């Protein structure tokens, strides 16, 4: 069977396009695992580095903040920095995967 325009209909052509899309998505996901974003809180006194695949890989806290001894404030700032990093990571992934995940499938 053929579609209008002479393009083959059905299985094999569609399957090849799906496999190509899967390869492209895997490549982008691998790249995202190697990219990082930095979330901050308290004007940069706490920083959380997060990969594009949503893994927090480091936390930096300015020494002066620890010396103050306000544990509750420190916990809030760490949480805020991590959440900011995760948000930035999600935005990065959406930006990279957007063309593939936006519903613009070739079939």
C-alpha atoms as a PDB file:
ATOM      1  CA  UNK A   1       0.000   0.000   0.000  1.00  0.00           C
ATOM      2  CA  UNK A   2       1.119   3.498  -0.628  1.00  0.00           C
ATOM      3  CA  UNK A   3       0.149   6.849   0.799  1.00  0.00           C
ATOM      4  CA  UNK A   4      -0.522   9.861  -1.277  1.00  0.00           C
ATOM      5  CA  UNK A   5       2.789  11.128  -2.578  1.00  0.00           C
ATOM      6  CA  UNK A   6       4.190   7.630  -3.000  1.00  0.00           C
ATOM      7  CA  UNK A   7       5.432   7.219   0.604  1.00  0.00           C
ATOM      8  CA  UNK A   8       5.144   3.678   1.915  1.00  0.00           C
ATOM      9  CA  UNK A   9       2.481   3.230   4.532  1.00  0.00           C
ATOM     10  CA  UNK A  10       2.760   1.267   7.704  1.00  0.00           C
ATOM     11  CA  UNK A  11       5.311  -0.659   9.610  1.00  0.00           C
ATOM     12  CA  UNK A  12       8.870  -0.464   8.399  1.00  0.00           C
ATOM     13  CA  UNK A  13       9.172   3.237   7.549  1.00  0.00           C
ATOM     14  CA  UNK A  14       7.431   4.234  10.742  1.00  0.00           C
ATOM     15  CA  UNK A  15       9.570   1.833  12.790  1.00  0.00           C
ATOM     16  CA  UNK A  16      12.765   3.306  11.339  1.00  0.00           C
ATOM     17  CA  UNK A  17      11.603   6.803  12.242  1.00  0.00           C
ATOM     18  CA  UNK A  18      10.751   5.704  15.795  1.00  0.00           C
ATOM     19  CA  UNK A  19      14.175   4.065  16.162  1.00  0.00           C
ATOM     20  CA  UNK A  20      15.879   7.227  14.903  1.00  0.00           C
ATOM     21  CA  UNK A  21      13.897   9.291  17.411  1.00  0.00           C
ATOM     22  CA  UNK A  22      14.892   6.896  20.204  1.00  0.00           C
ATOM     23  CA  UNK A  23      18.580   7.171  19.256  1.00  0.00           C
ATOM     24  CA  UNK A  24      18.383  10.958  19.234  1.00  0.00           C
ATOM     25  CA  UNK A  25      16.668  11.017  22.646  1.00  0.00           C
ATOM     26  CA  UNK A  26      19.270   8.656  24.140  1.00  0.00           C
ATOM     27  CA  UNK A  27      22.082  10.833  22.805  1.00  0.00           C
ATOM     28  CA  UNK A  28      20.542  13.963  24.301  1.00  0.00           C
ATOM     29  CA  UNK A  29      19.935  12.212  27.636  1.00  0.00           C
ATOM     30  CA  UNK A  30      23.591  11.129  27.747  1.00  0.00           C
ATOM     31  CA  UNK A  31      24.668  14.709  27.018  1.00  0.00           C
ATOM     32  CA  UNK A  32      22.371  16.027  29.756  1.00  0.00           C
ATOM     33  CA  UNK A  33      24.027  13.699  32.279  1.00  0.00           C
ATOM     34  CA  UNK A  34      27.300  15.535  31.588  1.00  0.00           C
ATOM     35  CA  UNK A  35      25.922  19.074  31.713  1.00  0.00           C
ATOM     36  CA  UNK A  36      25.454  20.959  34.959  1.00  0.00           C
ATOM     37  CA  UNK A  37      23.535  23.962  36.217  1.00  0.00           C
ATOM     38  CA  UNK A  38      24.034  25.786  39.507  1.00  0.00           C
ATOM     39  CA  UNK A  39      21.140  26.665  41.764  1.00  0.00           C
ATOM     40  CA  UNK A  40      21.726  29.339  44.387  1.00  0.00           C
ATOM     41  CA  UNK A  41      20.119  30.702  47.524  1.00  0.00           C
ATOM     42  CA  UNK A  42      20.802  33.531  49.920  1.00  0.00           C
ATOM     43  CA  UNK A  43      22.431  35.670  47.269  1.00  0.00           C
ATOM     44  CA  UNK A  44      24.850  32.876  46.341  1.00  0.00           C
ATOM     45  CA  UNK A  45      25.999  31.861  49.842  1.00  0.00           C
ATOM     46  CA  UNK A  46      24.662  28.361  49.130  1.00  0.00           C
ATOM     47  CA  UNK A  47      25.102  26.717  45.740  1.00  0.00           C
ATOM     48  CA  UNK A  48      23.837  23.371  44.476  1.00  0.00           C
ATOM     49  CA  UNK A  49      25.264  21.897  41.287  1.00  0.00           C
ATOM     50  CA  UNK A  50      22.771  19.653  39.479  1.00  0.00           C
ATOM     51  CA  UNK A  51      23.229  17.645  36.287  1.00  0.00           C
ATOM     52  CA  UNK A  52      20.827  17.800  33.372  1.00  0.00           C
ATOM     53  CA  UNK A  53      19.519  14.389  34.406  1.00  0.00           C
ATOM     54  CA  UNK A  54      18.418  15.669  37.825  1.00  0.00           C
ATOM     55  CA  UNK A  55      21.322  14.526  40.036  1.00  0.00           C
ATOM     56  CA  UNK A  56      22.661  16.876  42.700  1.00  0.00           C
ATOM     57  CA  UNK A  57      26.442  16.459  42.456  1.00  0.00           C
ATOM     58  CA  UNK A  58      27.695  19.075  44.908  1.00  0.00           C
ATOM     59  CA  UNK A  59      26.705  21.609  47.537  1.00  0.00           C
ATOM     60  CA  UNK A  60      28.818  24.656  48.380  1.00  0.00           C
ATOM     61  CA  UNK A  61      28.231  26.685  51.539  1.00  0.00           C
ATOM     62  CA  UNK A  62      30.155  29.820  52.425  1.00  0.00           C
ATOM     63  CA  UNK A  63      32.095  29.306  55.646  1.00  0.00           C
ATOM     64  CA  UNK A  64      30.702  32.454  57.286  1.00  0.00           C
ATOM     65  CA  UNK A  65      27.190  31.022  57.037  1.00  0.00           C
ATOM     66  CA  UNK A  66      28.217  27.892  58.929  1.00  0.00           C
ATOM     67  CA  UNK A  67      30.028  29.909  61.587  1.00  0.00           C
ATOM     68  CA  UNK A  68      26.841  31.833  62.361  1.00  0.00           C
ATOM     69  CA  UNK A  69      25.379  28.597  63.725  1.00  0.00           C
ATOM     70  CA  UNK A  70      21.796  29.130  62.520  1.00  0.00           C
ATOM     71  CA  UNK A  71      21.113  25.548  61.476  1.00  0.00           C
ATOM     72  CA  UNK A  72      17.487  26.150  60.522  1.00  0.00           C
ATOM     73  CA  UNK A  73      18.418  28.988  58.165  1.00  0.00           C
ATOM     74  CA  UNK A  74      21.211  26.869  56.675  1.00  0.00           C
ATOM     75  CA  UNK A  75      18.796  23.980  56.065  1.00  0.00           C
ATOM     76  CA  UNK A  76      16.310  26.330  54.380  1.00  0.00           C
ATOM     77  CA  UNK A  77      19.025  27.790  52.151  1.00  0.00           C
ATOM     78  CA  UNK A  78      20.339  24.356  51.137  1.00  0.00           C
ATOM     79  CA  UNK A  79      16.823  23.224  50.307  1.00  0.00           C
ATOM     80  CA  UNK A  80      16.161  26.386  48.295  1.00  0.00           C
ATOM     81  CA  UNK A  81      19.446  26.031  46.368  1.00  0.00           C
ATOM     82  CA  UNK A  82      18.774  22.365  45.539  1.00  0.00           C
ATOM     83  CA  UNK A  83      15.228  23.126  44.405  1.00  0.00           C
ATOM     84  CA  UNK A  84      16.497  25.998  42.267  1.00  0.00           C
ATOM     85  CA  UNK A  85      19.107  23.698  40.730  1.00  0.00           C
ATOM     86  CA  UNK A  86      16.496  21.037  39.994  1.00  0.00           C
ATOM     87  CA  UNK A  87      14.254  23.641  38.363  1.00  0.00           C
ATOM     88  CA  UNK A  88      17.133  24.867  36.190  1.00  0.00           C
ATOM     89  CA  UNK A  89      17.969  21.268  35.301  1.00  0.00           C
ATOM     90  CA  UNK A  90      14.367  20.611  34.240  1.00  0.00           C
ATOM     91  CA  UNK A  91      14.425  23.720  32.070  1.00  0.00           C
ATOM     92  CA  UNK A  92      17.688  22.573  30.463  1.00  0.00           C
ATOM     93  CA  UNK A  93      16.248  19.131  29.720  1.00  0.00           C
ATOM     94  CA  UNK A  94      13.064  20.637  28.288  1.00  0.00           C
ATOM     95  CA  UNK A  95      15.134  22.923  26.080  1.00  0.00           C
ATOM     96  CA  UNK A  96      17.294  20.064  24.776  1.00  0.00           C
ATOM     97  CA  UNK A  97      14.491  17.507  24.413  1.00  0.00           C
ATOM     98  CA  UNK A  98      11.835  19.991  23.309  1.00  0.00           C
ATOM     99  CA  UNK A  99      12.092  19.402  19.567  1.00  0.00           C
ATOM    100  CA  UNK A 100      11.818  15.632  20.132  1.00  0.00           C
ATOM    101  CA  UNK A 101       9.184  15.663  22.847  1.00  0.00           C
ATOM    102  CA  UNK A 102       7.007  18.401  21.423  1.00  0.00           C
ATOM    103  CA  UNK A 103       4.692  16.118  19.532  1.00  0.00           C
ATOM    104  CA  UNK A 104       6.284  16.824  16.153  1.00  0.00           C
ATOM    105  CA  UNK A 105       6.564  13.171  15.292  1.00  0.00           C
ATOM    106  CA  UNK A 106       7.167  12.385  11.634  1.00  0.00           C
ATOM    107  CA  UNK A 107       4.192  10.012  11.349  1.00  0.00           C
END
